[in-house]
Amino acid sequence: MHELSLVQSIVEACSARANGAWVRKVTLEVGALSCVMPEALRFCFAAVSDGTALQGAELEILVRPGRSRCRECGRELSLRSLLDNCSCGSGNLEPPSGGDQLRIQSMEIEEAV
């Protein structure tokens, strides 16, 4: 499960950026074609963040589709899977663009009083 090592890196990066403040929410952008499972990220996040500045933080995951064009009908389409077909039924698609990202979009911290 490579999601575990991804989440460890995310928690480390957010903890460093928070500079001692408590993190309340982390928003991730995950490409639908990235081969990263959002539910596995959630599971690992709960375990990895325990005892860190992210303990109890909400994890929001925004799944971003890839884009492609059908070589048969010319229609542009959003891809949620590398196995998607065009609505015309063709699987003859141009190589996808986008949909492969994994990035920390934002995080909300609780300011020290």
Protein backbone atom coordinates (compact mmCIF):
# COMPACT_ATOMS: atom_id res chain seq x y z
CA MET A 1 0.00 0.00 0.00
CA HIS A 2 1.93 3.02 -1.26
CA GLU A 3 -0.71 5.32 0.24
CA LEU A 4 0.94 4.85 3.65
CA SER A 5 4.24 6.37 2.52
CA LEU A 6 2.38 9.13 0.67
CA VAL A 7 0.44 10.04 3.81
CA GLN A 8 3.61 9.98 5.91
CA SER A 9 5.13 12.55 3.53
CA ILE A 10 1.95 14.67 3.59
CA VAL A 11 1.83 14.68 7.40
CA GLU A 12 5.53 15.57 7.62
CA ALA A 13 5.15 18.42 5.11
CA CYS A 14 2.05 19.84 6.80
CA SER A 15 3.59 19.55 10.28
CA ALA A 16 6.70 21.41 9.14
CA ARG A 17 4.66 24.12 7.44
CA ALA A 18 2.35 24.53 10.48
CA ASN A 19 5.40 25.38 12.58
CA GLY A 20 3.97 24.11 15.87
CA ALA A 21 0.34 25.15 15.30
CA TRP A 22 -2.48 22.60 15.29
CA VAL A 23 -3.71 21.68 11.83
CA ARG A 24 -7.50 21.49 11.63
CA LYS A 25 -8.02 20.59 7.97
CA VAL A 26 -5.94 19.39 5.03
CA THR A 27 -7.28 19.50 1.47
CA LEU A 28 -5.66 17.23 -1.11
CA GLU A 29 -6.10 17.14 -4.87
CA VAL A 30 -5.92 13.57 -6.11
CA GLY A 31 -6.01 12.74 -9.80
CA ALA A 32 -8.53 10.07 -10.74
CA LEU A 33 -5.83 8.46 -12.90
CA SER A 34 -3.08 8.62 -10.24
CA CYS A 35 -3.57 5.05 -8.96
CA VAL A 36 -4.03 6.48 -5.46
CA MET A 37 -7.09 5.27 -3.57
CA PRO A 38 -8.81 8.08 -1.61
CA GLU A 39 -10.23 5.69 0.99
CA ALA A 40 -6.79 4.22 1.63
CA LEU A 41 -5.45 7.78 2.09
CA ARG A 42 -8.19 8.46 4.66
CA PHE A 43 -7.45 5.24 6.55
CA CYS A 44 -3.71 5.91 6.63
CA PHE A 45 -4.19 9.59 7.52
CA ALA A 46 -6.05 8.72 10.72
CA ALA A 47 -3.28 6.37 11.82
CA VAL A 48 -0.25 8.42 10.73
CA SER A 49 -1.51 11.75 12.09
CA ASP A 50 -2.06 10.34 15.60
CA GLY A 51 0.27 12.12 18.02
CA THR A 52 1.18 14.86 15.53
CA ALA A 53 0.02 18.43 14.90
CA LEU A 54 -2.54 16.90 12.50
CA GLN A 55 -4.20 14.62 15.04
CA GLY A 56 -7.97 14.91 14.61
CA ALA A 57 -7.66 17.06 11.48
CA GLU A 58 -10.24 16.74 8.74
CA LEU A 59 -8.94 15.34 5.47
CA GLU A 60 -10.75 16.64 2.41
CA ILE A 61 -9.95 14.89 -0.87
CA LEU A 62 -10.86 16.49 -4.19
CA VAL A 63 -10.71 13.94 -7.00
CA ARG A 64 -9.71 15.56 -10.31
CA PRO A 65 -10.46 13.76 -13.58
CA GLY A 66 -8.14 13.41 -16.54
CA ARG A 67 -9.01 14.76 -19.99
CA SER A 68 -8.89 13.07 -23.35
CA ARG A 69 -10.33 13.22 -26.86
CA CYS A 70 -11.99 10.42 -28.78
CA ARG A 71 -10.16 9.61 -32.00
CA GLU A 72 -13.40 8.32 -33.56
CA CYS A 73 -15.88 11.16 -32.95
CA GLY A 74 -13.60 13.97 -31.73
CA ARG A 75 -15.52 14.47 -28.47
CA GLU A 76 -13.59 15.70 -25.43
CA LEU A 77 -14.23 13.74 -22.28
CA SER A 78 -13.40 13.56 -18.60
CA LEU A 79 -11.72 10.35 -17.49
CA ARG A 80 -12.32 8.81 -14.08
CA SER A 81 -10.45 5.64 -15.06
CA LEU A 82 -7.89 4.58 -17.63
CA LEU A 83 -10.51 2.06 -18.81
CA ASP A 84 -13.17 4.68 -19.65
CA ASN A 85 -14.68 4.75 -23.13
CA CYS A 86 -16.22 7.63 -25.03
CA SER A 87 -20.02 7.94 -24.94
CA CYS A 88 -19.96 6.91 -28.64
CA GLY A 89 -18.67 3.53 -27.41
CA SER A 90 -15.12 3.88 -28.70
CA GLY A 91 -12.12 3.10 -26.56
CA ASN A 92 -9.82 4.71 -29.12
CA LEU A 93 -8.81 7.72 -27.05
CA GLU A 94 -5.84 10.06 -27.18
CA PRO A 95 -3.43 9.70 -24.25
CA PRO A 96 -4.92 11.44 -21.21
CA SER A 97 -3.76 14.76 -19.86
CA GLY A 98 -4.06 15.62 -16.18
CA GLY A 99 -5.73 13.42 -13.66
CA ASP A 100 -2.41 12.14 -12.34
CA GLN A 101 -1.70 14.77 -9.68
CA LEU A 102 -1.39 14.40 -5.94
CA ARG A 103 -0.85 17.68 -4.15
CA ILE A 104 -1.64 19.46 -0.94
CA GLN A 105 -4.03 22.20 -2.01
CA SER A 106 -4.43 23.86 1.41
CA MET A 107 -4.44 23.43 5.12
CA GLU A 108 -6.21 25.26 7.91
CA ILE A 109 -4.38 25.81 11.16
CA GLU A 110 -5.50 26.90 14.59
CA GLU A 111 -3.60 29.98 15.64
CA ALA A 112 -2.02 29.86 19.09
CA VAL A 113 -3.73 32.14 21.60
